[in-house]
């Protein structure tokens, strides 16, 4: 009986040792993955800082002013180009309505109907 008990305990210790080794290996693998992910994250942060610096450099006001003068064919606004908002011919406004029979009709149908009159 004592031999059987010793054999069971040896088996349990071997299985526990194997499981402990397996867990240790998984932990080391996860640590490597975390380190690689952190390295990639730092590289991405550095790339974002470079892009932000390039964006700030390209958006300098004096550079944008030179580009606008070179490529945009605009001139200064004169007094005769300014008008009141009422002088702008806006298209007629259309509003959806409900017919007396309480069914909704699309605005396009009402516009077509009114346009035929």
Protein backbone atom coordinates (compact mmCIF):
# COMPACT_ATOMS: atom_id res chain seq x y z
CA UNK A 1 0.00 0.00 0.00
CA UNK A 2 2.86 2.37 0.81
CA UNK A 3 4.45 1.64 -2.59
CA UNK A 4 1.21 2.54 -4.35
CA UNK A 5 0.93 5.77 -2.35
CA UNK A 6 4.52 6.71 -3.24
CA UNK A 7 3.90 5.91 -6.90
CA UNK A 8 0.76 8.12 -6.93
CA UNK A 9 2.67 11.01 -5.34
CA UNK A 10 5.52 10.69 -7.81
CA UNK A 11 3.00 10.69 -10.67
CA UNK A 12 1.29 13.80 -9.25
CA UNK A 13 4.65 15.59 -8.87
CA UNK A 14 5.67 14.73 -12.45
CA UNK A 15 2.32 15.93 -13.85
CA UNK A 16 2.47 19.11 -11.77
CA UNK A 17 6.06 19.76 -12.90
CA UNK A 18 5.09 19.28 -16.53
CA UNK A 19 2.10 21.63 -16.18
CA UNK A 20 4.27 24.21 -14.40
CA UNK A 21 6.84 24.04 -17.23
CA UNK A 22 4.06 24.42 -19.81
CA UNK A 23 2.64 27.49 -17.99
CA UNK A 24 6.13 29.01 -17.72
CA UNK A 25 6.62 28.56 -21.47
CA UNK A 26 3.26 30.21 -22.19
CA UNK A 27 4.13 33.14 -19.91
CA UNK A 28 7.46 33.64 -21.69
CA UNK A 29 5.72 33.55 -25.06
CA UNK A 30 3.19 36.15 -23.88
CA UNK A 31 5.99 38.35 -22.51
CA UNK A 32 7.70 38.26 -25.91
CA UNK A 33 4.42 39.19 -27.62
CA UNK A 34 3.86 42.08 -25.18
CA UNK A 35 7.43 43.35 -25.74
CA UNK A 36 6.96 43.18 -29.53
CA UNK A 37 3.62 44.98 -29.30
CA UNK A 38 5.16 47.70 -27.12
CA UNK A 39 7.99 48.11 -29.62
CA UNK A 40 5.49 48.46 -32.47
CA UNK A 41 3.47 50.95 -30.44
CA UNK A 42 6.54 53.10 -29.81
CA UNK A 43 7.41 52.98 -33.52
CA UNK A 44 3.87 54.10 -34.40
CA UNK A 45 4.01 56.93 -31.86
CA UNK A 46 7.30 58.09 -33.33
CA UNK A 47 5.84 57.95 -36.84
CA UNK A 48 2.85 60.02 -35.67
CA UNK A 49 5.19 62.64 -34.21
CA UNK A 50 7.05 62.81 -37.54
CA UNK A 51 3.78 63.21 -39.45
CA UNK A 52 2.62 65.94 -37.04
CA UNK A 53 5.92 67.78 -37.50
CA UNK A 54 5.66 67.50 -41.29
CA UNK A 55 2.07 68.75 -41.17
CA UNK A 56 3.07 71.75 -39.06
CA UNK A 57 5.94 72.49 -41.46
CA UNK A 58 3.73 72.26 -44.55
CA UNK A 59 0.99 74.44 -42.99
CA UNK A 60 3.16 77.44 -42.22
CA UNK A 61 1.15 80.58 -43.08
CA UNK A 62 3.89 82.12 -45.24
CA UNK A 63 4.18 78.91 -47.30
CA UNK A 64 0.40 78.66 -47.74
CA UNK A 65 0.29 82.31 -48.79
CA UNK A 66 2.97 81.70 -51.44
CA UNK A 67 1.13 78.62 -52.74
CA UNK A 68 -2.17 80.47 -52.86
CA UNK A 69 -0.60 83.34 -54.78
CA UNK A 70 1.04 80.92 -57.23
CA UNK A 71 -1.81 78.46 -57.88
CA UNK A 72 -5.11 80.20 -57.05
CA UNK A 73 -6.39 82.65 -59.61
CA UNK A 74 -8.22 84.86 -57.17
CA UNK A 75 -8.28 88.59 -56.88
CA UNK A 76 -9.34 90.98 -54.20
CA UNK A 77 -13.07 91.46 -53.67
CA UNK A 78 -14.35 94.79 -54.95
CA UNK A 79 -17.26 96.78 -53.59
CA UNK A 80 -19.47 96.07 -56.62
CA UNK A 81 -19.10 92.31 -55.98
CA UNK A 82 -20.80 92.54 -52.58
CA UNK A 83 -24.59 92.19 -52.55
CA UNK A 84 -27.42 91.80 -50.06
CA UNK A 85 -28.67 88.31 -49.32
CA UNK A 86 -32.10 89.25 -50.70
CA UNK A 87 -30.53 89.91 -54.11
CA UNK A 88 -29.48 86.27 -54.47
CA UNK A 89 -32.05 84.33 -56.54
CA UNK A 90 -32.71 81.22 -54.45
CA UNK A 91 -34.89 78.45 -55.93
CA UNK A 92 -38.44 78.23 -54.62
CA UNK A 93 -38.73 76.53 -51.28
CA UNK A 94 -40.78 73.36 -51.15
CA UNK A 95 -42.45 72.07 -48.03
CA UNK A 96 -43.95 68.64 -47.52
CA UNK A 97 -47.66 68.72 -46.77
CA UNK A 98 -50.40 66.38 -45.72
CA UNK A 99 -53.40 65.99 -47.99
CA UNK A 100 -56.87 66.10 -46.44
CA UNK A 101 -57.09 62.32 -46.63
CA UNK A 102 -54.18 62.27 -44.12
CA UNK A 103 -51.79 60.42 -46.41
CA UNK A 104 -48.29 61.81 -46.83
CA UNK A 105 -47.30 62.84 -50.32
CA UNK A 106 -43.71 63.43 -51.38
CA UNK A 107 -42.72 67.00 -52.15
CA UNK A 108 -41.71 66.01 -55.68
CA UNK A 109 -45.29 64.89 -56.43
CA UNK A 110 -46.68 68.21 -55.18
CA UNK A 111 -44.12 70.17 -57.22
CA UNK A 112 -45.02 68.21 -60.35
CA UNK A 113 -48.74 68.71 -59.67
CA UNK A 114 -48.31 72.46 -59.09
CA UNK A 115 -46.01 72.79 -62.07
CA UNK A 116 -48.66 71.32 -64.42
CA UNK A 117 -51.24 73.95 -63.49
